[in-house]
């Protein structure tokens, strides 16, 4: 009888270890599947970020080029080269025109213009 109780205990322990081993294997398999999914997700994200990085570098190169800087100076600040011609179109909405104009008045002599400049 002692032997049968001993065998039952050994069998219970063996079954317990077997169940624990199966649970561990299933847990490891679940962890492996999740890691593969995350790996694929991160690789996709890395590729997207690389493509975005290339686009942003191209934009930086364009934004630091002299052609872009000249275009912005002309469009936003109204600055240009000596050989540029400005065509001023009338505004339909009555907006304020911010394009610089050369305002030369020959009505007054230069000494009077200087005098007014410093006395006003």
PDB file of N, CA and C in Angstrom:
ATOM      1  N   UNK A   1       0.820  -1.173   0.000  1.00  0.00           N
ATOM      2  CA  UNK A   1       0.000   0.000   0.000  1.00  0.00           C
ATOM      3  C   UNK A   1       0.878   1.255   0.000  1.00  0.00           C
ATOM      4  N   UNK A   2       1.972   1.212   0.713  1.00  0.00           N
ATOM      5  CA  UNK A   2       2.890   2.327   0.786  1.00  0.00           C
ATOM      6  C   UNK A   2       3.475   2.582  -0.603  1.00  0.00           C
ATOM      7  N   UNK A   3       3.685   1.447  -1.293  1.00  0.00           N
ATOM      8  CA  UNK A   3       4.232   1.596  -2.621  1.00  0.00           C
ATOM      9  C   UNK A   3       3.242   2.263  -3.562  1.00  0.00           C
ATOM     10  N   UNK A   4       1.993   1.965  -3.459  1.00  0.00           N
ATOM     11  CA  UNK A   4       0.988   2.544  -4.338  1.00  0.00           C
ATOM     12  C   UNK A   4       0.811   4.038  -4.038  1.00  0.00           C
ATOM     13  N   UNK A   5       0.876   4.423  -2.770  1.00  0.00           N
ATOM     14  CA  UNK A   5       0.778   5.842  -2.420  1.00  0.00           C
ATOM     15  C   UNK A   5       2.000   6.577  -2.949  1.00  0.00           C
ATOM     16  N   UNK A   6       3.169   5.928  -2.853  1.00  0.00           N
ATOM     17  CA  UNK A   6       4.394   6.511  -3.372  1.00  0.00           C
ATOM     18  C   UNK A   6       4.285   6.687  -4.895  1.00  0.00           C
ATOM     19  N   UNK A   7       3.753   5.683  -5.562  1.00  0.00           N
ATOM     20  CA  UNK A   7       3.598   5.762  -7.013  1.00  0.00           C
ATOM     21  C   UNK A   7       2.590   6.854  -7.407  1.00  0.00           C
ATOM     22  N   UNK A   8       1.534   6.982  -6.634  1.00  0.00           N
ATOM     23  CA  UNK A   8       0.522   8.011  -6.916  1.00  0.00           C
ATOM     24  C   UNK A   8       1.140   9.402  -6.737  1.00  0.00           C
ATOM     25  N   UNK A   9       1.926   9.564  -5.707  1.00  0.00           N
ATOM     26  CA  UNK A   9       2.573  10.864  -5.474  1.00  0.00           C
ATOM     27  C   UNK A   9       3.559  11.161  -6.592  1.00  0.00           C
ATOM     28  N   UNK A  10       4.329  10.184  -6.992  1.00  0.00           N
ATOM     29  CA  UNK A  10       5.284  10.373  -8.084  1.00  0.00           C
ATOM     30  C   UNK A  10       4.548  10.706  -9.374  1.00  0.00           C
ATOM     31  N   UNK A  11       3.456   9.990  -9.647  1.00  0.00           N
ATOM     32  CA  UNK A  11       2.654  10.259 -10.848  1.00  0.00           C
ATOM     33  C   UNK A  11       2.043  11.666 -10.793  1.00  0.00           C
ATOM     34  N   UNK A  12       1.555  12.080  -9.627  1.00  0.00           N
ATOM     35  CA  UNK A  12       0.973  13.422  -9.479  1.00  0.00           C
ATOM     36  C   UNK A  12       2.037  14.489  -9.723  1.00  0.00           C
ATOM     37  N   UNK A  13       3.222  14.260  -9.195  1.00  0.00           N
ATOM     38  CA  UNK A  13       4.319  15.208  -9.406  1.00  0.00           C
ATOM     39  C   UNK A  13       4.697  15.249 -10.879  1.00  0.00           C
ATOM     40  N   UNK A  14       4.778  14.079 -11.535  1.00  0.00           N
ATOM     41  CA  UNK A  14       5.125  14.013 -12.955  1.00  0.00           C
ATOM     42  C   UNK A  14       4.059  14.713 -13.796  1.00  0.00           C
ATOM     43  N   UNK A  15       2.798  14.495 -13.467  1.00  0.00           N
ATOM     44  CA  UNK A  15       1.705  15.163 -14.196  1.00  0.00           C
ATOM     45  C   UNK A  15       1.769  16.674 -13.962  1.00  0.00           C
ATOM     46  N   UNK A  16       2.058  17.050 -12.742  1.00  0.00           N
ATOM     47  CA  UNK A  16       2.186  18.475 -12.423  1.00  0.00           C
ATOM     48  C   UNK A  16       3.308  19.127 -13.228  1.00  0.00           C
ATOM     49  N   UNK A  17       4.467  18.463 -13.268  1.00  0.00           N
ATOM     50  CA  UNK A  17       5.590  18.985 -14.065  1.00  0.00           C
ATOM     51  C   UNK A  17       5.238  19.025 -15.556  1.00  0.00           C
ATOM     52  N   UNK A  18       4.536  18.001 -16.019  1.00  0.00           N
ATOM     53  CA  UNK A  18       4.141  17.959 -17.431  1.00  0.00           C
ATOM     54  C   UNK A  18       3.190  19.110 -17.757  1.00  0.00           C
ATOM     55  N   UNK A  19       2.225  19.325 -16.898  1.00  0.00           N
ATOM     56  CA  UNK A  19       1.290  20.434 -17.114  1.00  0.00           C
ATOM     57  C   UNK A  19       2.029  21.765 -17.078  1.00  0.00           C
ATOM     58  N   UNK A  20       2.938  21.926 -16.129  1.00  0.00           N
ATOM     59  CA  UNK A  20       3.728  23.156 -16.033  1.00  0.00           C
ATOM     60  C   UNK A  20       4.588  23.345 -17.278  1.00  0.00           C
ATOM     61  N   UNK A  21       5.168  22.265 -17.789  1.00  0.00           N
ATOM     62  CA  UNK A  21       5.999  22.343 -18.995  1.00  0.00           C
ATOM     63  C   UNK A  21       5.155  22.760 -20.193  1.00  0.00           C
ATOM     64  N   UNK A  22       3.952  22.191 -20.322  1.00  0.00           N
ATOM     65  CA  UNK A  22       3.074  22.551 -21.434  1.00  0.00           C
ATOM     66  C   UNK A  22       2.656  24.012 -21.313  1.00  0.00           C
ATOM     67  N   UNK A  23       2.324  24.468 -20.122  1.00  0.00           N
ATOM     68  CA  UNK A  23       1.941  25.865 -19.906  1.00  0.00           C
ATOM     69  C   UNK A  23       3.113  26.788 -20.258  1.00  0.00           C
ATOM     70  N   UNK A  24       4.319  26.425 -19.854  1.00  0.00           N
ATOM     71  CA  UNK A  24       5.500  27.224 -20.175  1.00  0.00           C
ATOM     72  C   UNK A  24       5.746  27.272 -21.682  1.00  0.00           C
ATOM     73  N   UNK A  25       5.584  26.129 -22.356  1.00  0.00           N
ATOM     74  CA  UNK A  25       5.775  26.095 -23.806  1.00  0.00           C
ATOM     75  C   UNK A  25       4.754  26.990 -24.495  1.00  0.00           C
ATOM     76  N   UNK A  26       3.495  26.910 -24.072  1.00  0.00           N
ATOM     77  CA  UNK A  26       2.452  27.751 -24.671  1.00  0.00           C
ATOM     78  C   UNK A  26       2.707  29.234 -24.400  1.00  0.00           C
ATOM     79  N   UNK A  27       3.157  29.562 -23.208  1.00  0.00           N
ATOM     80  CA  UNK A  27       3.470  30.953 -22.875  1.00  0.00           C
ATOM     81  C   UNK A  27       4.630  31.461 -23.726  1.00  0.00           C
ATOM     82  N   UNK A  28       5.659  30.639 -23.880  1.00  0.00           N
ATOM     83  CA  UNK A  28       6.800  31.024 -24.708  1.00  0.00           C
ATOM     84  C   UNK A  28       6.385  31.179 -26.175  1.00  0.00           C
ATOM     85  N   UNK A  29       5.509  30.299 -26.661  1.00  0.00           N
ATOM     86  CA  UNK A  29       5.028  30.404 -28.038  1.00  0.00           C
ATOM     87  C   UNK A  29       4.232  31.698 -28.235  1.00  0.00           C
ATOM     88  N   UNK A  30       3.392  32.026 -27.263  1.00  0.00           N
ATOM     89  CA  UNK A  30       2.611  33.274 -27.327  1.00  0.00           C
ATOM     90  C   UNK A  30       3.554  34.484 -27.325  1.00  0.00           C
ATOM     91  N   UNK A  31       4.575  34.437 -26.484  1.00  0.00           N
ATOM     92  CA  UNK A  31       5.545  35.528 -26.421  1.00  0.00           C
ATOM     93  C   UNK A  31       6.304  35.652 -27.739  1.00  0.00           C
ATOM     94  N   UNK A  32       6.656  34.530 -28.351  1.00  0.00           N
ATOM     95  CA  UNK A  32       7.366  34.541 -29.627  1.00  0.00           C
ATOM     96  C   UNK A  32       6.500  35.127 -30.740  1.00  0.00           C
ATOM     97  N   UNK A  33       5.235  34.744 -30.792  1.00  0.00           N
ATOM     98  CA  UNK A  33       4.320  35.275 -31.806  1.00  0.00           C
ATOM     99  C   UNK A  33       4.154  36.788 -31.620  1.00  0.00           C
ATOM    100  N   UNK A  34       4.006  37.223 -30.390  1.00  0.00           N
ATOM    101  CA  UNK A  34       3.866  38.663 -30.110  1.00  0.00           C
ATOM    102  C   UNK A  34       5.137  39.420 -30.485  1.00  0.00           C
ATOM    103  N   UNK A  35       6.298  38.824 -30.206  1.00  0.00           N
ATOM    104  CA  UNK A  35       7.571  39.469 -30.558  1.00  0.00           C
ATOM    105  C   UNK A  35       7.720  39.580 -32.070  1.00  0.00           C
ATOM    106  N   UNK A  36       7.305  38.557 -32.824  1.00  0.00           N
ATOM    107  CA  UNK A  36       7.372  38.617 -34.284  1.00  0.00           C
ATOM    108  C   UNK A  36       6.449  39.709 -34.820  1.00  0.00           C
ATOM    109  N   UNK A  37       5.257  39.819 -34.240  1.00  0.00           N
ATOM    110  CA  UNK A  37       4.319  40.852 -34.667  1.00  0.00           C
ATOM    111  C   UNK A  37       4.888  42.243 -34.397  1.00  0.00           C
ATOM    112  N   UNK A  38       5.440  42.438 -33.213  1.00  0.00           N
ATOM    113  CA  UNK A  38       6.042  43.735 -32.882  1.00  0.00           C
ATOM    114  C   UNK A  38       7.251  44.029 -33.759  1.00  0.00           C
ATOM    115  N   UNK A  39       8.040  43.014 -34.064  1.00  0.00           N
ATOM    116  CA  UNK A  39       9.213  43.190 -34.924  1.00  0.00           C
ATOM    117  C   UNK A  39       8.775  43.669 -36.308  1.00  0.00           C
ATOM    118  N   UNK A  40       7.759  43.030 -36.859  1.00  0.00           N
ATOM    119  CA  UNK A  40       7.246  43.443 -38.166  1.00  0.00           C
ATOM    120  C   UNK A  40       6.696  44.862 -38.113  1.00  0.00           C
ATOM    121  N   UNK A  41       5.983  45.165 -37.053  1.00  0.00           N
ATOM    122  CA  UNK A  41       5.411  46.512 -36.879  1.00  0.00           C
ATOM    123  C   UNK A  41       6.516  47.565 -36.785  1.00  0.00           C
ATOM    124  N   UNK A  42       7.553  47.272 -36.022  1.00  0.00           N
ATOM    125  CA  UNK A  42       8.653  48.222 -35.866  1.00  0.00           C
ATOM    126  C   UNK A  42       9.460  48.373 -37.152  1.00  0.00           C
ATOM    127  N   UNK A  43       9.631  47.291 -37.905  1.00  0.00           N
ATOM    128  CA  UNK A  43      10.335  47.399 -39.183  1.00  0.00           C
ATOM    129  C   UNK A  43       9.562  48.294 -40.153  1.00  0.00           C
ATOM    130  N   UNK A  44       8.253  48.140 -40.173  1.00  0.00           N
ATOM    131  CA  UNK A  44       7.420  48.997 -41.018  1.00  0.00           C
ATOM    132  C   UNK A  44       7.543  50.450 -40.583  1.00  0.00           C
ATOM    133  N   UNK A  45       7.506  50.680 -39.292  1.00  0.00           N
ATOM    134  CA  UNK A  45       7.631  52.036 -38.766  1.00  0.00           C
ATOM    135  C   UNK A  45       8.999  52.630 -39.114  1.00  0.00           C
ATOM    136  N   UNK A  46      10.052  51.824 -39.028  1.00  0.00           N
ATOM    137  CA  UNK A  46      11.397  52.293 -39.369  1.00  0.00           C
ATOM    138  C   UNK A  46      11.466  52.683 -40.838  1.00  0.00           C
ATOM    139  N   UNK A  47      10.875  51.880 -41.710  1.00  0.00           N
ATOM    140  CA  UNK A  47      10.866  52.205 -43.146  1.00  0.00           C
ATOM    141  C   UNK A  47      10.120  53.507 -43.405  1.00  0.00           C
ATOM    142  N   UNK A  48       8.985  53.688 -42.736  1.00  0.00           N
ATOM    143  CA  UNK A  48       8.229  54.934 -42.893  1.00  0.00           C
ATOM    144  C   UNK A  48       9.052  56.123 -42.419  1.00  0.00           C
ATOM    145  N   UNK A  49       9.736  55.975 -41.295  1.00  0.00           N
ATOM    146  CA  UNK A  49      10.545  57.069 -40.773  1.00  0.00           C
ATOM    147  C   UNK A  49      11.734  57.366 -41.678  1.00  0.00           C
ATOM    148  N   UNK A  50      12.318  56.332 -42.295  1.00  0.00           N
ATOM    149  CA  UNK A  50      13.414  56.559 -43.234  1.00  0.00           C
ATOM    150  C   UNK A  50      12.927  57.356 -44.440  1.00  0.00           C
ATOM    151  N   UNK A  51      11.751  56.983 -44.970  1.00  0.00           N
ATOM    152  CA  UNK A  51      11.192  57.711 -46.110  1.00  0.00           C
ATOM    153  C   UNK A  51      10.876  59.156 -45.733  1.00  0.00           C
ATOM    154  N   UNK A  52      10.317  59.345 -44.533  1.00  0.00           N
ATOM    155  CA  UNK A  52      10.022  60.703 -44.077  1.00  0.00           C
ATOM    156  C   UNK A  52      11.315  61.496 -43.886  1.00  0.00           C
ATOM    157  N   UNK A  53      12.342  60.847 -43.380  1.00  0.00           N
ATOM    158  CA  UNK A  53      13.634  61.505 -43.187  1.00  0.00           C
ATOM    159  C   UNK A  53      14.212  61.961 -44.523  1.00  0.00           C
ATOM    160  N   UNK A  54      14.090  61.115 -45.549  1.00  0.00           N
ATOM    161  CA  UNK A  54      14.584  61.483 -46.880  1.00  0.00           C
ATOM    162  C   UNK A  54      13.807  62.680 -47.414  1.00  0.00           C
ATOM    163  N   UNK A  55      12.476  62.667 -47.246  1.00  0.00           N
ATOM    164  CA  UNK A  55      11.665  63.809 -47.695  1.00  0.00           C
ATOM    165  C   UNK A  55      12.047  65.085 -46.947  1.00  0.00           C
ATOM    166  N   UNK A  56      12.242  64.980 -45.646  1.00  0.00           N
ATOM    167  CA  UNK A  56      12.583  66.161 -44.857  1.00  0.00           C
ATOM    168  C   UNK A  56      13.976  66.688 -45.209  1.00  0.00           C
ATOM    169  N   UNK A  57      14.916  65.786 -45.468  1.00  0.00           N
ATOM    170  CA  UNK A  57      16.244  66.231 -45.885  1.00  0.00           C
ATOM    171  C   UNK A  57      16.178  66.961 -47.223  1.00  0.00           C
ATOM    172  N   UNK A  58      15.337  66.467 -48.123  1.00  0.00           N
ATOM    173  CA  UNK A  58      15.166  67.148 -49.416  1.00  0.00           C
ATOM    174  C   UNK A  58      14.564  68.529 -49.210  1.00  0.00           C
ATOM    175  N   UNK A  59      13.597  68.640 -48.300  1.00  0.00           N
ATOM    176  CA  UNK A  59      13.009  69.953 -48.016  1.00  0.00           C
ATOM    177  C   UNK A  59      14.022  70.893 -47.384  1.00  0.00           C
ATOM    178  N   UNK A  60      14.883  70.363 -46.512  1.00  0.00           N
ATOM    179  CA  UNK A  60      15.923  71.194 -45.888  1.00  0.00           C
ATOM    180  C   UNK A  60      16.899  71.675 -46.949  1.00  0.00           C
ATOM    181  N   UNK A  61      17.291  70.760 -47.856  1.00  0.00           N
ATOM    182  CA  UNK A  61      18.205  71.160 -48.931  1.00  0.00           C
ATOM    183  C   UNK A  61      17.584  72.256 -49.784  1.00  0.00           C
ATOM    184  N   UNK A  62      16.301  72.112 -50.094  1.00  0.00           N
ATOM    185  CA  UNK A  62      15.627  73.128 -50.910  1.00  0.00           C
ATOM    186  C   UNK A  62      15.492  74.439 -50.135  1.00  0.00           C
ATOM    187  N   UNK A  63      15.152  74.333 -48.849  1.00  0.00           N
ATOM    188  CA  UNK A  63      14.945  75.546 -48.050  1.00  0.00           C
ATOM    189  C   UNK A  63      16.239  76.305 -47.808  1.00  0.00           C
ATOM    190  N   UNK A  64      17.365  75.639 -47.878  1.00  0.00           N
ATOM    191  CA  UNK A  64      18.640  76.334 -47.671  1.00  0.00           C
ATOM    192  C   UNK A  64      19.303  76.725 -48.987  1.00  0.00           C
ATOM    193  N   UNK A  65      18.666  76.397 -50.106  1.00  0.00           N
ATOM    194  CA  UNK A  65      19.256  76.761 -51.389  1.00  0.00           C
ATOM    195  C   UNK A  65      19.076  78.252 -51.654  1.00  0.00           C
ATOM    196  N   UNK A  66      19.955  78.795 -52.457  1.00  0.00           N
ATOM    197  CA  UNK A  66      19.896  80.233 -52.745  1.00  0.00           C
ATOM    198  C   UNK A  66      18.665  80.570 -53.580  1.00  0.00           C
ATOM    199  N   UNK A  67      18.218  79.657 -54.418  1.00  0.00           N
ATOM    200  CA  UNK A  67      17.026  79.923 -55.230  1.00  0.00           C
ATOM    201  C   UNK A  67      15.800  80.092 -54.350  1.00  0.00           C
ATOM    202  N   UNK A  68      15.665  79.254 -53.330  1.00  0.00           N
ATOM    203  CA  UNK A  68      14.524  79.358 -52.425  1.00  0.00           C
ATOM    204  C   UNK A  68      14.600  80.652 -51.611  1.00  0.00           C
ATOM    205  N   UNK A  69      15.786  80.986 -51.154  1.00  0.00           N
ATOM    206  CA  UNK A  69      15.941  82.213 -50.366  1.00  0.00           C
ATOM    207  C   UNK A  69      15.610  83.435 -51.211  1.00  0.00           C
ATOM    208  N   UNK A  70      16.042  83.450 -52.472  1.00  0.00           N
ATOM    209  CA  UNK A  70      15.698  84.574 -53.347  1.00  0.00           C
ATOM    210  C   UNK A  70      14.202  84.625 -53.596  1.00  0.00           C
ATOM    211  N   UNK A  71      13.590  83.464 -53.795  1.00  0.00           N
ATOM    212  CA  UNK A  71      12.142  83.437 -54.032  1.00  0.00           C
ATOM    213  C   UNK A  71      11.391  83.974 -52.815  1.00  0.00           C
ATOM    214  N   UNK A  72      11.801  83.578 -51.625  1.00  0.00           N
ATOM    215  CA  UNK A  72      11.138  84.054 -50.420  1.00  0.00           C
ATOM    216  C   UNK A  72      11.363  85.554 -50.233  1.00  0.00           C
ATOM    217  N   UNK A  73      12.555  86.028 -50.548  1.00  0.00           N
ATOM    218  CA  UNK A  73      12.832  87.459 -50.430  1.00  0.00           C
ATOM    219  C   UNK A  73      11.943  88.242 -51.384  1.00  0.00           C
ATOM    220  N   UNK A  74      11.724  87.717 -52.568  1.00  0.00           N
ATOM    221  CA  UNK A  74      10.856  88.399 -53.524  1.00  0.00           C
ATOM    222  C   UNK A  74       9.396  88.318 -53.109  1.00  0.00           C
ATOM    223  N   UNK A  75       8.944  87.128 -52.737  1.00  0.00           N
ATOM    224  CA  UNK A  75       7.521  86.928 -52.455  1.00  0.00           C
ATOM    225  C   UNK A  75       7.088  87.565 -51.136  1.00  0.00           C
ATOM    226  N   UNK A  76       7.848  87.336 -50.088  1.00  0.00           N
ATOM    227  CA  UNK A  76       7.416  87.769 -48.763  1.00  0.00           C
ATOM    228  C   UNK A  76       7.888  89.178 -48.399  1.00  0.00           C
ATOM    229  N   UNK A  77       9.102  89.519 -48.801  1.00  0.00           N
ATOM    230  CA  UNK A  77       9.662  90.798 -48.384  1.00  0.00           C
ATOM    231  C   UNK A  77       9.591  91.865 -49.468  1.00  0.00           C
ATOM    232  N   UNK A  78       9.262  91.467 -50.687  1.00  0.00           N
ATOM    233  CA  UNK A  78       9.192  92.435 -51.763  1.00  0.00           C
ATOM    234  C   UNK A  78      10.552  92.908 -52.228  1.00  0.00           C
ATOM    235  N   UNK A  79      11.587  92.125 -51.999  1.00  0.00           N
ATOM    236  CA  UNK A  79      12.935  92.490 -52.414  1.00  0.00           C
ATOM    237  C   UNK A  79      13.247  91.823 -53.745  1.00  0.00           C
ATOM    238  N   UNK A  80      14.087  92.431 -54.527  1.00  0.00           N
ATOM    239  CA  UNK A  80      14.439  91.839 -55.802  1.00  0.00           C
ATOM    240  C   UNK A  80      15.808  92.296 -56.256  1.00  0.00           C
ATOM    241  N   UNK A  81      16.175  91.918 -57.458  1.00  0.00           N
ATOM    242  CA  UNK A  81      17.443  92.314 -58.062  1.00  0.00           C
ATOM    243  C   UNK A  81      17.268  93.632 -58.802  1.00  0.00           C
ATOM    244  N   UNK A  82      18.372  94.186 -59.282  1.00  0.00           N
ATOM    245  CA  UNK A  82      18.304  95.443 -60.028  1.00  0.00           C
ATOM    246  C   UNK A  82      17.518  95.296 -61.319  1.00  0.00           C
ATOM    247  N   UNK A  83      17.633  94.158 -61.935  1.00  0.00           N
ATOM    248  CA  UNK A  83      17.012  93.956 -63.234  1.00  0.00           C
ATOM    249  C   UNK A  83      15.572  93.462 -63.157  1.00  0.00           C
ATOM    250  N   UNK A  84      15.020  93.361 -61.958  1.00  0.00           N
ATOM    251  CA  UNK A  84      13.634  92.908 -61.805  1.00  0.00           C
ATOM    252  C   UNK A  84      12.672  94.036 -62.134  1.00  0.00           C
ATOM    253  N   UNK A  85      11.571  93.673 -62.728  1.00  0.00           N
ATOM    254  CA  UNK A  85      10.499  94.618 -63.012  1.00  0.00           C
ATOM    255  C   UNK A  85       9.293  94.233 -62.182  1.00  0.00           C
ATOM    256  N   UNK A  86       8.675  95.212 -61.568  1.00  0.00           N
ATOM    257  CA  UNK A  86       7.503  94.981 -60.728  1.00  0.00           C
ATOM    258  C   UNK A  86       6.271  95.427 -61.486  1.00  0.00           C
ATOM    259  N   UNK A  87       5.313  94.559 -61.571  1.00  0.00           N
ATOM    260  CA  UNK A  87       4.039  94.877 -62.192  1.00  0.00           C
ATOM    261  C   UNK A  87       3.019  94.958 -61.072  1.00  0.00           C
ATOM    262  N   UNK A  88       2.491  96.136 -60.853  1.00  0.00           N
ATOM    263  CA  UNK A  88       1.553  96.346 -59.761  1.00  0.00           C
ATOM    264  C   UNK A  88       0.149  96.306 -60.327  1.00  0.00           C
ATOM    265  N   UNK A  89      -0.604  95.306 -59.892  1.00  0.00           N
ATOM    266  CA  UNK A  89      -1.976  95.138 -60.346  1.00  0.00           C
ATOM    267  C   UNK A  89      -2.906  95.781 -59.326  1.00  0.00           C
ATOM    268  N   UNK A  90      -3.986  96.406 -59.786  1.00  0.00           N
ATOM    269  CA  UNK A  90      -4.921  96.982 -58.819  1.00  0.00           C
ATOM    270  C   UNK A  90      -5.630  95.876 -58.039  1.00  0.00           C
ATOM    271  N   UNK A  91      -5.836  96.140 -56.768  1.00  0.00           N
ATOM    272  CA  UNK A  91      -6.517  95.176 -55.910  1.00  0.00           C
ATOM    273  C   UNK A  91      -8.020  95.373 -56.019  1.00  0.00           C
ATOM    274  N   UNK A  92      -8.719  94.268 -56.205  1.00  0.00           N
ATOM    275  CA  UNK A  92     -10.169  94.338 -56.312  1.00  0.00           C
ATOM    276  C   UNK A  92     -10.814  94.535 -54.945  1.00  0.00           C
ATOM    277  N   UNK A  93     -10.223  93.926 -53.920  1.00  0.00           N
ATOM    278  CA  UNK A  93     -10.819  93.990 -52.590  1.00  0.00           C
ATOM    279  C   UNK A  93     -10.347  95.203 -51.814  1.00  0.00           C
ATOM    280  N   UNK A  94      -9.547  96.040 -52.412  1.00  0.00           N
ATOM    281  CA  UNK A  94      -9.059  97.225 -51.705  1.00  0.00           C
ATOM    282  C   UNK A  94      -8.014  96.886 -50.661  1.00  0.00           C
ATOM    283  N   UNK A  95      -7.273  95.807 -50.872  1.00  0.00           N
ATOM    284  CA  UNK A  95      -6.253  95.415 -49.907  1.00  0.00           C
ATOM    285  C   UNK A  95      -5.056  96.353 -50.003  1.00  0.00           C
ATOM    286  N   UNK A  96      -4.267  96.362 -48.953  1.00  0.00           N
ATOM    287  CA  UNK A  96      -3.089  97.205 -48.920  1.00  0.00           C
ATOM    288  C   UNK A  96      -1.996  96.533 -49.741  1.00  0.00           C
ATOM    289  N   UNK A  97      -1.351  97.296 -50.609  1.00  0.00           N
ATOM    290  CA  UNK A  97      -0.283  96.772 -51.447  1.00  0.00           C
ATOM    291  C   UNK A  97       1.050  97.012 -50.745  1.00  0.00           C
ATOM    292  N   UNK A  98       1.778  95.935 -50.442  1.00  0.00           N
ATOM    293  CA  UNK A  98       3.015  96.049 -49.679  1.00  0.00           C
ATOM    294  C   UNK A  98       4.265  95.975 -50.552  1.00  0.00           C
ATOM    295  N   UNK A  99       4.110  96.020 -51.861  1.00  0.00           N
ATOM    296  CA  UNK A  99       5.270  95.969 -52.749  1.00  0.00           C
ATOM    297  C   UNK A  99       5.980  97.320 -52.679  1.00  0.00           C
ATOM    298  N   UNK A 100       7.301  97.318 -52.456  1.00  0.00           N
ATOM    299  CA  UNK A 100       8.010  98.594 -52.332  1.00  0.00           C
ATOM    300  C   UNK A 100       8.015  99.358 -53.658  1.00  0.00           C
ATOM    301  N   UNK A 101       7.888 100.633 -53.544  1.00  0.00           N
ATOM    302  CA  UNK A 101       7.930 101.502 -54.717  1.00  0.00           C
ATOM    303  C   UNK A 101       9.012 102.552 -54.502  1.00  0.00           C
ATOM    304  N   UNK A 102       9.609 102.944 -55.583  1.00  0.00           N
ATOM    305  CA  UNK A 102      10.624 103.981 -55.506  1.00  0.00           C
ATOM    306  C   UNK A 102       9.889 105.316 -55.608  1.00  0.00           C
ATOM    307  N   UNK A 103      10.057 106.112 -54.597  1.00  0.00           N
ATOM    308  CA  UNK A 103       9.322 107.362 -54.545  1.00  0.00           C
ATOM    309  C   UNK A 103      10.325 108.522 -54.626  1.00  0.00           C
ATOM    310  N   UNK A 104      10.520 109.025 -55.825  1.00  0.00           N
ATOM    311  CA  UNK A 104      11.456 110.129 -56.024  1.00  0.00           C
ATOM    312  C   UNK A 104      10.657 111.378 -56.346  1.00  0.00           C
ATOM    313  N   UNK A 105      10.848 112.377 -55.539  1.00  0.00           N
ATOM    314  CA  UNK A 105      10.160 113.641 -55.837  1.00  0.00           C
ATOM    315  C   UNK A 105      11.223 114.705 -56.128  1.00  0.00           C
ATOM    316  N   UNK A 106      11.091 115.300 -57.255  1.00  0.00           N
ATOM    317  CA  UNK A 106      12.035 116.341 -57.659  1.00  0.00           C
ATOM    318  C   UNK A 106      11.449 117.725 -57.391  1.00  0.00           C
ATOM    319  N   UNK A 107      10.421 117.780 -56.578  1.00  0.00           N
ATOM    320  CA  UNK A 107       9.777 119.052 -56.286  1.00  0.00           C
ATOM    321  C   UNK A 107      10.668 119.951 -55.437  1.00  0.00           C
ATOM    322  N   UNK A 108      11.378 119.342 -54.491  1.00  0.00           N
ATOM    323  CA  UNK A 108      12.177 120.131 -53.553  1.00  0.00           C
ATOM    324  C   UNK A 108      13.656 119.878 -53.817  1.00  0.00           C
ATOM    325  N   UNK A 109      14.461 120.856 -53.566  1.00  0.00           N
ATOM    326  CA  UNK A 109      15.902 120.639 -53.709  1.00  0.00           C
ATOM    327  C   UNK A 109      16.404 119.702 -52.610  1.00  0.00           C
ATOM    328  N   UNK A 110      17.522 119.047 -52.853  1.00  0.00           N
ATOM    329  CA  UNK A 110      18.028 118.084 -51.880  1.00  0.00           C
ATOM    330  C   UNK A 110      18.300 118.680 -50.509  1.00  0.00           C
ATOM    331  N   UNK A 111      18.819 119.926 -50.439  1.00  0.00           N
ATOM    332  CA  UNK A 111      19.113 120.502 -49.124  1.00  0.00           C
ATOM    333  C   UNK A 111      17.841 120.671 -48.318  1.00  0.00           C
ATOM    334  N   UNK A 112      16.704 120.974 -48.989  1.00  0.00           N
ATOM    335  CA  UNK A 112      15.439 121.142 -48.281  1.00  0.00           C
ATOM    336  C   UNK A 112      14.904 119.783 -47.820  1.00  0.00           C
ATOM    337  N   UNK A 113      15.101 118.770 -48.624  1.00  0.00           N
ATOM    338  CA  UNK A 113      14.677 117.428 -48.222  1.00  0.00           C
ATOM    339  C   UNK A 113      15.461 116.962 -46.991  1.00  0.00           C
ATOM    340  N   UNK A 114      16.783 117.213 -46.979  1.00  0.00           N
ATOM    341  CA  UNK A 114      17.588 116.859 -45.817  1.00  0.00           C
ATOM    342  C   UNK A 114      17.145 117.653 -44.589  1.00  0.00           C
ATOM    343  N   UNK A 115      16.883 118.917 -44.786  1.00  0.00           N
ATOM    344  CA  UNK A 115      16.436 119.779 -43.678  1.00  0.00           C
ATOM    345  C   UNK A 115      15.147 119.230 -43.072  1.00  0.00           C
ATOM    346  N   UNK A 116      14.197 118.862 -43.912  1.00  0.00           N
ATOM    347  CA  UNK A 116      12.927 118.315 -43.416  1.00  0.00           C
ATOM    348  C   UNK A 116      13.108 116.972 -42.760  1.00  0.00           C
ATOM    349  N   UNK A 117      14.054 116.204 -43.265  1.00  0.00           N
ATOM    350  CA  UNK A 117      14.290 114.902 -42.683  1.00  0.00           C
ATOM    351  C   UNK A 117      14.761 115.008 -41.238  1.00  0.00           C
ATOM    352  N   UNK A 118      15.652 115.960 -40.968  1.00  0.00           N
ATOM    353  CA  UNK A 118      16.209 116.095 -39.626  1.00  0.00           C
ATOM    354  C   UNK A 118      15.420 117.014 -38.703  1.00  0.00           C
ATOM    355  N   UNK A 119      14.530 117.805 -39.235  1.00  0.00           N
ATOM    356  CA  UNK A 119      13.789 118.718 -38.369  1.00  0.00           C
ATOM    357  C   UNK A 119      12.389 118.212 -38.043  1.00  0.00           C
ATOM    358  N   UNK A 120      11.967 117.199 -38.628  1.00  0.00           N
ATOM    359  CA  UNK A 120      10.620 116.654 -38.306  1.00  0.00           C
ATOM    360  C   UNK A 120      10.643 115.720 -37.191  1.00  0.00           C
TER     361      UNK A 120
END
